[in-house]
């Protein structure tokens, strides 16, 4: 009788992903990027990221932002996609090859365990650190966000910019007219993230953490969004609930009966012309390394 093999570090990384790395989550992330893409492009413009820049995509996931960044910075620029899921990086590698993008490099690592790799050389053949770093909904999941900020500081050149989209008031996630099941869902999300040492409202302390890491906040822009059931954006919060409810049940945060009640509430809301989803509030924080 063979002895069962212990799970590999890669297997553990995939399983420990709070929201999972399965096909449905990959599809949800693609849709999420598409409905947030205009806000993302605006953030990069606000930060001055342009052709020729060397940029880190921190917590790149399947790399939808990495692909956009690679097209933005062009062949004279470079993008480093940092991600701990091998499955997501494999998807990114295939998509970059399909699009003929040769200015993306991949780093499979956990930033709580490893530093960001050295930047590629600049036009003078010197390595002076990256010009910019992009981070969306990553700081809210890590157990040590100060270490994350320190990793940014170590990787960026002096004057480099760090751009964040993180939640500041996750509790603003709600349905109108109010439905108690969505409030219960938000509470379950809080419990799930915090059980793995994450903090949904991390943007409340992010400016302080950045200051401690040697950054000066350059600008802050609030992003608050609402969607009616006929809007394309509706399917972002609704899809998150539908994908995450089974995950919360799988993790043992709630039971299957609770999950059915939440999904029923979403289905009922989708049949109601009055329904409005209010998404969690997101500040855009742009900080410059001193």
C-alpha atoms as a PDB file:
ATOM      1  CA  UNK A   1       0.000   0.000   0.000  1.00  0.00           C
ATOM      2  CA  UNK A   2       1.493   3.323  -1.053  1.00  0.00           C
ATOM      3  CA  UNK A   3       1.936   6.110   1.459  1.00  0.00           C
ATOM      4  CA  UNK A   4      -0.032   9.287   0.606  1.00  0.00           C
ATOM      5  CA  UNK A   5       2.287  12.092  -0.436  1.00  0.00           C
ATOM      6  CA  UNK A   6       2.291  15.292   1.557  1.00  0.00           C
ATOM      7  CA  UNK A   7       0.916  18.264  -0.383  1.00  0.00           C
ATOM      8  CA  UNK A   8       3.573  20.354  -2.104  1.00  0.00           C
ATOM      9  CA  UNK A   9       4.214  24.010  -1.330  1.00  0.00           C
ATOM     10  CA  UNK A  10       2.490  24.838  -4.621  1.00  0.00           C
ATOM     11  CA  UNK A  11      -0.581  22.799  -3.676  1.00  0.00           C
ATOM     12  CA  UNK A  12      -0.766  24.537  -0.312  1.00  0.00           C
ATOM     13  CA  UNK A  13      -0.471  27.943  -1.979  1.00  0.00           C
ATOM     14  CA  UNK A  14      -3.424  27.177  -4.271  1.00  0.00           C
ATOM     15  CA  UNK A  15      -5.579  25.827  -1.433  1.00  0.00           C
ATOM     16  CA  UNK A  16      -4.775  28.715   0.900  1.00  0.00           C
ATOM     17  CA  UNK A  17      -5.964  31.310  -1.605  1.00  0.00           C
ATOM     18  CA  UNK A  18      -8.926  32.834   0.259  1.00  0.00           C
ATOM     19  CA  UNK A  19     -11.112  33.030  -2.846  1.00  0.00           C
ATOM     20  CA  UNK A  20      -9.624  29.990  -4.592  1.00  0.00           C
ATOM     21  CA  UNK A  21      -7.891  29.602  -7.981  1.00  0.00           C
ATOM     22  CA  UNK A  22     -10.518  27.465  -9.731  1.00  0.00           C
ATOM     23  CA  UNK A  23     -11.942  28.113 -13.214  1.00  0.00           C
ATOM     24  CA  UNK A  24     -14.957  30.059 -11.966  1.00  0.00           C
ATOM     25  CA  UNK A  25     -12.730  32.385  -9.924  1.00  0.00           C
ATOM     26  CA  UNK A  26     -10.412  32.938 -12.882  1.00  0.00           C
ATOM     27  CA  UNK A  27     -13.416  33.864 -15.020  1.00  0.00           C
ATOM     28  CA  UNK A  28     -14.723  36.184 -12.278  1.00  0.00           C
ATOM     29  CA  UNK A  29     -11.355  37.938 -12.060  1.00  0.00           C
ATOM     30  CA  UNK A  30     -11.381  38.529 -15.803  1.00  0.00           C
ATOM     31  CA  UNK A  31     -14.826  40.089 -15.625  1.00  0.00           C
ATOM     32  CA  UNK A  32     -13.798  42.101 -12.551  1.00  0.00           C
ATOM     33  CA  UNK A  33     -10.861  43.590 -14.426  1.00  0.00           C
ATOM     34  CA  UNK A  34     -13.046  44.470 -17.392  1.00  0.00           C
ATOM     35  CA  UNK A  35     -15.563  46.459 -15.310  1.00  0.00           C
ATOM     36  CA  UNK A  36     -12.792  48.184 -13.303  1.00  0.00           C
ATOM     37  CA  UNK A  37     -10.472  48.736 -16.264  1.00  0.00           C
ATOM     38  CA  UNK A  38     -11.338  52.403 -16.813  1.00  0.00           C
ATOM     39  CA  UNK A  39     -10.615  53.166 -13.139  1.00  0.00           C
ATOM     40  CA  UNK A  40      -7.346  51.245 -13.379  1.00  0.00           C
ATOM     41  CA  UNK A  41      -6.180  53.069 -16.498  1.00  0.00           C
ATOM     42  CA  UNK A  42      -7.062  56.365 -14.803  1.00  0.00           C
ATOM     43  CA  UNK A  43      -4.986  55.352 -11.776  1.00  0.00           C
ATOM     44  CA  UNK A  44      -1.967  54.623 -13.961  1.00  0.00           C
ATOM     45  CA  UNK A  45      -2.369  57.963 -15.733  1.00  0.00           C
ATOM     46  CA  UNK A  46      -2.628  59.727 -12.382  1.00  0.00           C
ATOM     47  CA  UNK A  47       0.601  58.013 -11.287  1.00  0.00           C
ATOM     48  CA  UNK A  48       2.450  58.985 -14.469  1.00  0.00           C
ATOM     49  CA  UNK A  49       3.054  55.414 -15.670  1.00  0.00           C
ATOM     50  CA  UNK A  50       3.932  55.682 -19.349  1.00  0.00           C
ATOM     51  CA  UNK A  51       5.827  54.127 -22.231  1.00  0.00           C
ATOM     52  CA  UNK A  52       9.250  52.824 -21.235  1.00  0.00           C
ATOM     53  CA  UNK A  53       8.452  52.394 -17.524  1.00  0.00           C
ATOM     54  CA  UNK A  54       9.465  49.326 -15.507  1.00  0.00           C
ATOM     55  CA  UNK A  55       6.470  48.270 -13.431  1.00  0.00           C
ATOM     56  CA  UNK A  56       5.675  45.580 -10.852  1.00  0.00           C
ATOM     57  CA  UNK A  57       2.180  44.058 -10.795  1.00  0.00           C
ATOM     58  CA  UNK A  58       1.982  42.864  -7.199  1.00  0.00           C
ATOM     59  CA  UNK A  59      -0.410  39.989  -6.573  1.00  0.00           C
ATOM     60  CA  UNK A  60      -0.971  39.784 -10.308  1.00  0.00           C
ATOM     61  CA  UNK A  61      -3.450  36.895 -10.230  1.00  0.00           C
ATOM     62  CA  UNK A  62      -4.089  35.676 -13.797  1.00  0.00           C
ATOM     63  CA  UNK A  63      -2.403  38.852 -15.044  1.00  0.00           C
ATOM     64  CA  UNK A  64      -5.176  40.862 -16.664  1.00  0.00           C
ATOM     65  CA  UNK A  65      -3.587  44.082 -15.348  1.00  0.00           C
ATOM     66  CA  UNK A  66      -0.101  42.823 -16.267  1.00  0.00           C
ATOM     67  CA  UNK A  67      -1.191  42.451 -19.891  1.00  0.00           C
ATOM     68  CA  UNK A  68      -2.586  45.987 -19.981  1.00  0.00           C
ATOM     69  CA  UNK A  69       0.567  47.328 -18.330  1.00  0.00           C
ATOM     70  CA  UNK A  70       2.758  45.533 -20.873  1.00  0.00           C
ATOM     71  CA  UNK A  71       0.893  47.204 -23.714  1.00  0.00           C
ATOM     72  CA  UNK A  72       1.078  50.593 -21.936  1.00  0.00           C
ATOM     73  CA  UNK A  73       4.842  50.564 -21.289  1.00  0.00           C
ATOM     74  CA  UNK A  74       5.661  49.056 -24.682  1.00  0.00           C
ATOM     75  CA  UNK A  75       8.746  47.106 -25.756  1.00  0.00           C
ATOM     76  CA  UNK A  76      11.121  49.617 -24.133  1.00  0.00           C
ATOM     77  CA  UNK A  77       9.397  49.045 -20.781  1.00  0.00           C
ATOM     78  CA  UNK A  78       9.049  45.936 -18.642  1.00  0.00           C
ATOM     79  CA  UNK A  79       6.437  44.361 -16.381  1.00  0.00           C
ATOM     80  CA  UNK A  80       7.175  41.947 -13.550  1.00  0.00           C
ATOM     81  CA  UNK A  81       4.111  39.937 -12.502  1.00  0.00           C
ATOM     82  CA  UNK A  82       4.506  38.790  -8.894  1.00  0.00           C
ATOM     83  CA  UNK A  83       2.057  36.055  -7.909  1.00  0.00           C
ATOM     84  CA  UNK A  84       2.079  32.988  -5.643  1.00  0.00           C
ATOM     85  CA  UNK A  85      -0.408  30.910  -7.656  1.00  0.00           C
ATOM     86  CA  UNK A  86       1.344  28.792 -10.276  1.00  0.00           C
ATOM     87  CA  UNK A  87      -2.003  28.187 -11.958  1.00  0.00           C
ATOM     88  CA  UNK A  88      -2.630  31.909 -12.415  1.00  0.00           C
ATOM     89  CA  UNK A  89       0.906  32.504 -13.703  1.00  0.00           C
ATOM     90  CA  UNK A  90       0.513  29.678 -16.209  1.00  0.00           C
ATOM     91  CA  UNK A  91      -2.607  31.370 -17.560  1.00  0.00           C
ATOM     92  CA  UNK A  92      -0.732  34.689 -17.817  1.00  0.00           C
ATOM     93  CA  UNK A  93       2.241  33.118 -19.606  1.00  0.00           C
ATOM     94  CA  UNK A  94      -0.032  31.532 -22.221  1.00  0.00           C
ATOM     95  CA  UNK A  95      -1.981  34.758 -22.764  1.00  0.00           C
ATOM     96  CA  UNK A  96       1.189  36.877 -23.062  1.00  0.00           C
ATOM     97  CA  UNK A  97       2.549  34.455 -25.660  1.00  0.00           C
ATOM     98  CA  UNK A  98      -0.753  34.513 -27.557  1.00  0.00           C
ATOM     99  CA  UNK A  99      -0.638  38.337 -27.679  1.00  0.00           C
ATOM    100  CA  UNK A 100       3.052  38.431 -28.596  1.00  0.00           C
ATOM    101  CA  UNK A 101       3.993  40.388 -25.461  1.00  0.00           C
ATOM    102  CA  UNK A 102       7.647  39.728 -24.652  1.00  0.00           C
ATOM    103  CA  UNK A 103       8.104  42.409 -21.994  1.00  0.00           C
ATOM    104  CA  UNK A 104       6.412  40.471 -19.162  1.00  0.00           C
ATOM    105  CA  UNK A 105       8.436  38.393 -16.712  1.00  0.00           C
ATOM    106  CA  UNK A 106       6.938  36.175 -14.018  1.00  0.00           C
ATOM    107  CA  UNK A 107       7.910  35.681 -10.374  1.00  0.00           C
ATOM    108  CA  UNK A 108       6.162  32.876  -8.516  1.00  0.00           C
ATOM    109  CA  UNK A 109       6.594  33.829  -4.880  1.00  0.00           C
ATOM    110  CA  UNK A 110       4.854  34.790  -1.657  1.00  0.00           C
ATOM    111  CA  UNK A 111       5.817  38.330  -0.636  1.00  0.00           C
ATOM    112  CA  UNK A 112       5.432  37.381   3.005  1.00  0.00           C
ATOM    113  CA  UNK A 113       8.335  34.973   2.441  1.00  0.00           C
ATOM    114  CA  UNK A 114      10.453  36.504  -0.338  1.00  0.00           C
ATOM    115  CA  UNK A 115      11.608  39.863  -1.657  1.00  0.00           C
ATOM    116  CA  UNK A 116      10.632  41.233  -5.063  1.00  0.00           C
ATOM    117  CA  UNK A 117      13.312  40.309  -7.651  1.00  0.00           C
ATOM    118  CA  UNK A 118      15.730  42.950  -8.921  1.00  0.00           C
ATOM    119  CA  UNK A 119      14.539  45.308 -11.640  1.00  0.00           C
ATOM    120  CA  UNK A 120      15.792  44.843 -15.207  1.00  0.00           C
ATOM    121  CA  UNK A 121      18.486  47.263 -16.315  1.00  0.00           C
ATOM    122  CA  UNK A 122      17.527  50.707 -17.541  1.00  0.00           C
ATOM    123  CA  UNK A 123      18.639  52.399 -20.754  1.00  0.00           C
ATOM    124  CA  UNK A 124      22.094  53.030 -19.270  1.00  0.00           C
ATOM    125  CA  UNK A 125      22.589  49.386 -18.406  1.00  0.00           C
ATOM    126  CA  UNK A 126      22.166  50.150 -14.694  1.00  0.00           C
ATOM    127  CA  UNK A 127      19.739  48.569 -12.237  1.00  0.00           C
ATOM    128  CA  UNK A 128      18.234  51.333 -10.132  1.00  0.00           C
ATOM    129  CA  UNK A 129      14.943  49.827  -9.019  1.00  0.00           C
ATOM    130  CA  UNK A 130      11.515  49.754 -10.627  1.00  0.00           C
ATOM    131  CA  UNK A 131       9.717  52.938 -11.650  1.00  0.00           C
ATOM    132  CA  UNK A 132       6.268  51.947 -10.404  1.00  0.00           C
ATOM    133  CA  UNK A 133       4.271  49.258  -8.645  1.00  0.00           C
ATOM    134  CA  UNK A 134       0.574  48.442  -8.981  1.00  0.00           C
ATOM    135  CA  UNK A 135      -1.360  46.692  -6.209  1.00  0.00           C
ATOM    136  CA  UNK A 136      -5.113  46.014  -6.181  1.00  0.00           C
ATOM    137  CA  UNK A 137      -6.858  44.111  -3.373  1.00  0.00           C
ATOM    138  CA  UNK A 138      -3.707  42.416  -2.135  1.00  0.00           C
ATOM    139  CA  UNK A 139      -2.842  44.320   1.052  1.00  0.00           C
ATOM    140  CA  UNK A 140      -6.239  43.327   2.467  1.00  0.00           C
ATOM    141  CA  UNK A 141      -5.269  39.636   2.335  1.00  0.00           C
ATOM    142  CA  UNK A 142      -1.689  39.556   3.634  1.00  0.00           C
ATOM    143  CA  UNK A 143      -0.925  38.914   7.336  1.00  0.00           C
ATOM    144  CA  UNK A 144       1.759  41.635   7.495  1.00  0.00           C
ATOM    145  CA  UNK A 145       0.844  44.667   5.358  1.00  0.00           C
ATOM    146  CA  UNK A 146       3.782  46.641   6.770  1.00  0.00           C
ATOM    147  CA  UNK A 147       6.141  44.021   5.348  1.00  0.00           C
ATOM    148  CA  UNK A 148       4.325  44.337   2.020  1.00  0.00           C
ATOM    149  CA  UNK A 149       4.884  48.119   2.033  1.00  0.00           C
ATOM    150  CA  UNK A 150       8.543  47.530   2.911  1.00  0.00           C
ATOM    151  CA  UNK A 151       8.886  45.138  -0.064  1.00  0.00           C
ATOM    152  CA  UNK A 152       7.554  47.896  -2.334  1.00  0.00           C
ATOM    153  CA  UNK A 153      10.057  50.361  -0.929  1.00  0.00           C
ATOM    154  CA  UNK A 154      12.988  47.977  -1.422  1.00  0.00           C
ATOM    155  CA  UNK A 155      12.019  47.296  -5.042  1.00  0.00           C
ATOM    156  CA  UNK A 156      11.294  50.844  -6.223  1.00  0.00           C
ATOM    157  CA  UNK A 157      13.830  53.456  -7.266  1.00  0.00           C
ATOM    158  CA  UNK A 158      13.906  56.767  -5.417  1.00  0.00           C
ATOM    159  CA  UNK A 159      10.991  58.764  -6.819  1.00  0.00           C
ATOM    160  CA  UNK A 160       9.195  55.582  -7.870  1.00  0.00           C
ATOM    161  CA  UNK A 161       5.427  55.426  -7.396  1.00  0.00           C
ATOM    162  CA  UNK A 162       3.278  52.840  -5.656  1.00  0.00           C
ATOM    163  CA  UNK A 163      -0.380  52.741  -6.725  1.00  0.00           C
ATOM    164  CA  UNK A 164      -3.014  51.020  -4.578  1.00  0.00           C
ATOM    165  CA  UNK A 165      -6.703  50.228  -4.868  1.00  0.00           C
ATOM    166  CA  UNK A 166      -7.766  48.794  -1.494  1.00  0.00           C
ATOM    167  CA  UNK A 167     -10.978  48.777   0.553  1.00  0.00           C
ATOM    168  CA  UNK A 168     -11.546  51.352   3.278  1.00  0.00           C
ATOM    169  CA  UNK A 169     -15.163  50.509   4.180  1.00  0.00           C
ATOM    170  CA  UNK A 170     -16.032  46.979   3.190  1.00  0.00           C
ATOM    171  CA  UNK A 171     -19.201  47.228   5.245  1.00  0.00           C
ATOM    172  CA  UNK A 172     -20.643  49.614   2.650  1.00  0.00           C
ATOM    173  CA  UNK A 173     -21.239  46.540   0.464  1.00  0.00           C
ATOM    174  CA  UNK A 174     -25.036  46.235   0.454  1.00  0.00           C
ATOM    175  CA  UNK A 175     -28.226  45.763  -1.518  1.00  0.00           C
ATOM    176  CA  UNK A 176     -30.996  48.336  -1.759  1.00  0.00           C
ATOM    177  CA  UNK A 177     -33.739  47.722  -0.721  1.00  0.00           C
ATOM    178  CA  UNK A 178     -31.798  46.183   2.183  1.00  0.00           C
ATOM    179  CA  UNK A 179     -31.584  42.403   2.459  1.00  0.00           C
ATOM    180  CA  UNK A 180     -30.323  40.919   5.697  1.00  0.00           C
ATOM    181  CA  UNK A 181     -28.691  38.004   3.866  1.00  0.00           C
ATOM    182  CA  UNK A 182     -26.180  40.357   2.218  1.00  0.00           C
ATOM    183  CA  UNK A 183     -25.284  41.845   5.590  1.00  0.00           C
ATOM    184  CA  UNK A 184     -24.707  38.287   6.824  1.00  0.00           C
ATOM    185  CA  UNK A 185     -22.572  37.589   3.756  1.00  0.00           C
ATOM    186  CA  UNK A 186     -20.395  40.645   4.427  1.00  0.00           C
ATOM    187  CA  UNK A 187     -19.917  39.504   8.012  1.00  0.00           C
ATOM    188  CA  UNK A 188     -18.881  36.046   6.801  1.00  0.00           C
ATOM    189  CA  UNK A 189     -16.344  37.634   4.426  1.00  0.00           C
ATOM    190  CA  UNK A 190     -14.870  39.597   7.340  1.00  0.00           C
ATOM    191  CA  UNK A 191     -14.548  36.395   9.368  1.00  0.00           C
ATOM    192  CA  UNK A 192     -13.003  34.468   6.468  1.00  0.00           C
ATOM    193  CA  UNK A 193     -10.350  37.077   5.659  1.00  0.00           C
ATOM    194  CA  UNK A 194      -9.490  37.786   9.272  1.00  0.00           C
ATOM    195  CA  UNK A 195      -9.204  34.048  10.023  1.00  0.00           C
ATOM    196  CA  UNK A 196      -6.226  34.093   7.645  1.00  0.00           C
ATOM    197  CA  UNK A 197      -4.872  37.320   9.197  1.00  0.00           C
ATOM    198  CA  UNK A 198      -6.208  39.586   6.439  1.00  0.00           C
ATOM    199  CA  UNK A 199      -7.982  42.912   6.988  1.00  0.00           C
ATOM    200  CA  UNK A 200     -10.744  43.999   4.572  1.00  0.00           C
ATOM    201  CA  UNK A 201     -10.533  47.685   5.607  1.00  0.00           C
ATOM    202  CA  UNK A 202      -6.760  47.869   5.197  1.00  0.00           C
ATOM    203  CA  UNK A 203      -6.847  51.268   3.440  1.00  0.00           C
ATOM    204  CA  UNK A 204      -7.633  52.863   6.815  1.00  0.00           C
ATOM    205  CA  UNK A 205      -4.023  52.307   7.885  1.00  0.00           C
ATOM    206  CA  UNK A 206      -2.276  52.031   4.514  1.00  0.00           C
ATOM    207  CA  UNK A 207      -1.080  55.676   4.376  1.00  0.00           C
ATOM    208  CA  UNK A 208       0.591  55.229   7.773  1.00  0.00           C
ATOM    209  CA  UNK A 209       2.222  51.967   6.687  1.00  0.00           C
ATOM    210  CA  UNK A 210       3.525  53.632   3.537  1.00  0.00           C
ATOM    211  CA  UNK A 211       4.951  56.507   5.551  1.00  0.00           C
ATOM    212  CA  UNK A 212       6.794  54.031   7.762  1.00  0.00           C
ATOM    213  CA  UNK A 213       8.175  52.356   4.611  1.00  0.00           C
ATOM    214  CA  UNK A 214       9.622  55.605   3.272  1.00  0.00           C
ATOM    215  CA  UNK A 215       6.801  56.846   1.045  1.00  0.00           C
ATOM    216  CA  UNK A 216       4.978  60.166   0.854  1.00  0.00           C
ATOM    217  CA  UNK A 217       1.330  60.020  -0.196  1.00  0.00           C
ATOM    218  CA  UNK A 218       0.930  62.060  -3.375  1.00  0.00           C
ATOM    219  CA  UNK A 219      -2.818  61.742  -3.948  1.00  0.00           C
ATOM    220  CA  UNK A 220      -5.954  59.978  -2.750  1.00  0.00           C
ATOM    221  CA  UNK A 221      -9.052  59.521  -4.905  1.00  0.00           C
ATOM    222  CA  UNK A 222     -12.252  57.904  -3.582  1.00  0.00           C
ATOM    223  CA  UNK A 223     -14.019  55.343  -5.758  1.00  0.00           C
ATOM    224  CA  UNK A 224     -17.600  54.443  -4.820  1.00  0.00           C
ATOM    225  CA  UNK A 225     -19.828  52.583  -7.247  1.00  0.00           C
ATOM    226  CA  UNK A 226     -23.479  51.561  -7.496  1.00  0.00           C
ATOM    227  CA  UNK A 227     -25.220  49.325 -10.015  1.00  0.00           C
ATOM    228  CA  UNK A 228     -28.822  48.607 -10.913  1.00  0.00           C
ATOM    229  CA  UNK A 229     -29.739  45.079 -11.901  1.00  0.00           C
ATOM    230  CA  UNK A 230     -29.760  45.932 -15.627  1.00  0.00           C
ATOM    231  CA  UNK A 231     -26.233  47.399 -15.470  1.00  0.00           C
ATOM    232  CA  UNK A 232     -23.226  45.343 -16.524  1.00  0.00           C
ATOM    233  CA  UNK A 233     -21.495  46.334 -13.274  1.00  0.00           C
ATOM    234  CA  UNK A 234     -24.240  44.520 -11.321  1.00  0.00           C
ATOM    235  CA  UNK A 235     -22.656  41.206 -12.208  1.00  0.00           C
ATOM    236  CA  UNK A 236     -19.429  42.131 -10.394  1.00  0.00           C
ATOM    237  CA  UNK A 237     -20.858  42.189  -6.826  1.00  0.00           C
ATOM    238  CA  UNK A 238     -23.530  39.611  -7.660  1.00  0.00           C
ATOM    239  CA  UNK A 239     -20.918  37.325  -9.196  1.00  0.00           C
ATOM    240  CA  UNK A 240     -18.644  37.750  -6.194  1.00  0.00           C
ATOM    241  CA  UNK A 241     -21.444  36.598  -3.892  1.00  0.00           C
ATOM    242  CA  UNK A 242     -22.297  33.628  -6.106  1.00  0.00           C
ATOM    243  CA  UNK A 243     -18.661  32.506  -6.347  1.00  0.00           C
ATOM    244  CA  UNK A 244     -17.703  33.209  -2.740  1.00  0.00           C
ATOM    245  CA  UNK A 245     -20.713  31.665  -0.976  1.00  0.00           C
ATOM    246  CA  UNK A 246     -19.669  28.087  -1.942  1.00  0.00           C
ATOM    247  CA  UNK A 247     -16.097  28.951  -0.942  1.00  0.00           C
ATOM    248  CA  UNK A 248     -17.244  30.143   2.491  1.00  0.00           C
ATOM    249  CA  UNK A 249     -19.195  26.912   2.916  1.00  0.00           C
ATOM    250  CA  UNK A 250     -16.156  24.889   1.768  1.00  0.00           C
ATOM    251  CA  UNK A 251     -13.978  26.690   4.337  1.00  0.00           C
ATOM    252  CA  UNK A 252     -16.498  25.952   7.074  1.00  0.00           C
ATOM    253  CA  UNK A 253     -17.243  29.613   7.750  1.00  0.00           C
ATOM    254  CA  UNK A 254     -20.980  28.984   7.206  1.00  0.00           C
ATOM    255  CA  UNK A 255     -23.161  25.979   6.416  1.00  0.00           C
ATOM    256  CA  UNK A 256     -24.879  24.985   3.177  1.00  0.00           C
ATOM    257  CA  UNK A 257     -28.343  26.080   4.335  1.00  0.00           C
ATOM    258  CA  UNK A 258     -27.011  29.590   4.935  1.00  0.00           C
ATOM    259  CA  UNK A 259     -25.457  29.553   1.473  1.00  0.00           C
ATOM    260  CA  UNK A 260     -28.771  28.667  -0.154  1.00  0.00           C
ATOM    261  CA  UNK A 261     -30.482  31.567   1.642  1.00  0.00           C
ATOM    262  CA  UNK A 262     -27.886  34.065   0.413  1.00  0.00           C
ATOM    263  CA  UNK A 263     -28.062  32.841  -3.194  1.00  0.00           C
ATOM    264  CA  UNK A 264     -31.866  32.981  -3.062  1.00  0.00           C
ATOM    265  CA  UNK A 265     -31.658  36.586  -1.866  1.00  0.00           C
ATOM    266  CA  UNK A 266     -29.439  37.484  -4.848  1.00  0.00           C
ATOM    267  CA  UNK A 267     -31.813  35.761  -7.265  1.00  0.00           C
ATOM    268  CA  UNK A 268     -34.802  37.599  -5.783  1.00  0.00           C
ATOM    269  CA  UNK A 269     -32.967  40.939  -5.977  1.00  0.00           C
ATOM    270  CA  UNK A 270     -32.176  40.306  -9.643  1.00  0.00           C
ATOM    271  CA  UNK A 271     -35.883  39.939 -10.333  1.00  0.00           C
ATOM    272  CA  UNK A 272     -36.686  43.254  -8.636  1.00  0.00           C
ATOM    273  CA  UNK A 273     -36.448  46.425 -10.767  1.00  0.00           C
ATOM    274  CA  UNK A 274     -35.816  48.494  -7.629  1.00  0.00           C
ATOM    275  CA  UNK A 275     -32.629  46.645  -6.702  1.00  0.00           C
ATOM    276  CA  UNK A 276     -29.331  48.523  -6.421  1.00  0.00           C
ATOM    277  CA  UNK A 277     -25.968  47.082  -5.403  1.00  0.00           C
ATOM    278  CA  UNK A 278     -23.659  49.424  -3.481  1.00  0.00           C
ATOM    279  CA  UNK A 279     -20.060  48.192  -3.710  1.00  0.00           C
ATOM    280  CA  UNK A 280     -17.372  48.566  -1.024  1.00  0.00           C
ATOM    281  CA  UNK A 281     -15.616  51.948  -1.001  1.00  0.00           C
ATOM    282  CA  UNK A 282     -12.126  51.963  -2.541  1.00  0.00           C
ATOM    283  CA  UNK A 283      -9.586  54.793  -2.173  1.00  0.00           C
ATOM    284  CA  UNK A 284      -6.946  55.092  -4.850  1.00  0.00           C
ATOM    285  CA  UNK A 285      -3.695  55.851  -3.031  1.00  0.00           C
ATOM    286  CA  UNK A 286      -0.628  56.991  -4.967  1.00  0.00           C
ATOM    287  CA  UNK A 287       2.582  57.291  -2.951  1.00  0.00           C
ATOM    288  CA  UNK A 288       6.099  58.328  -3.993  1.00  0.00           C
ATOM    289  CA  UNK A 289       9.229  56.772  -2.530  1.00  0.00           C
ATOM    290  CA  UNK A 290      11.236  59.437  -0.761  1.00  0.00           C
END
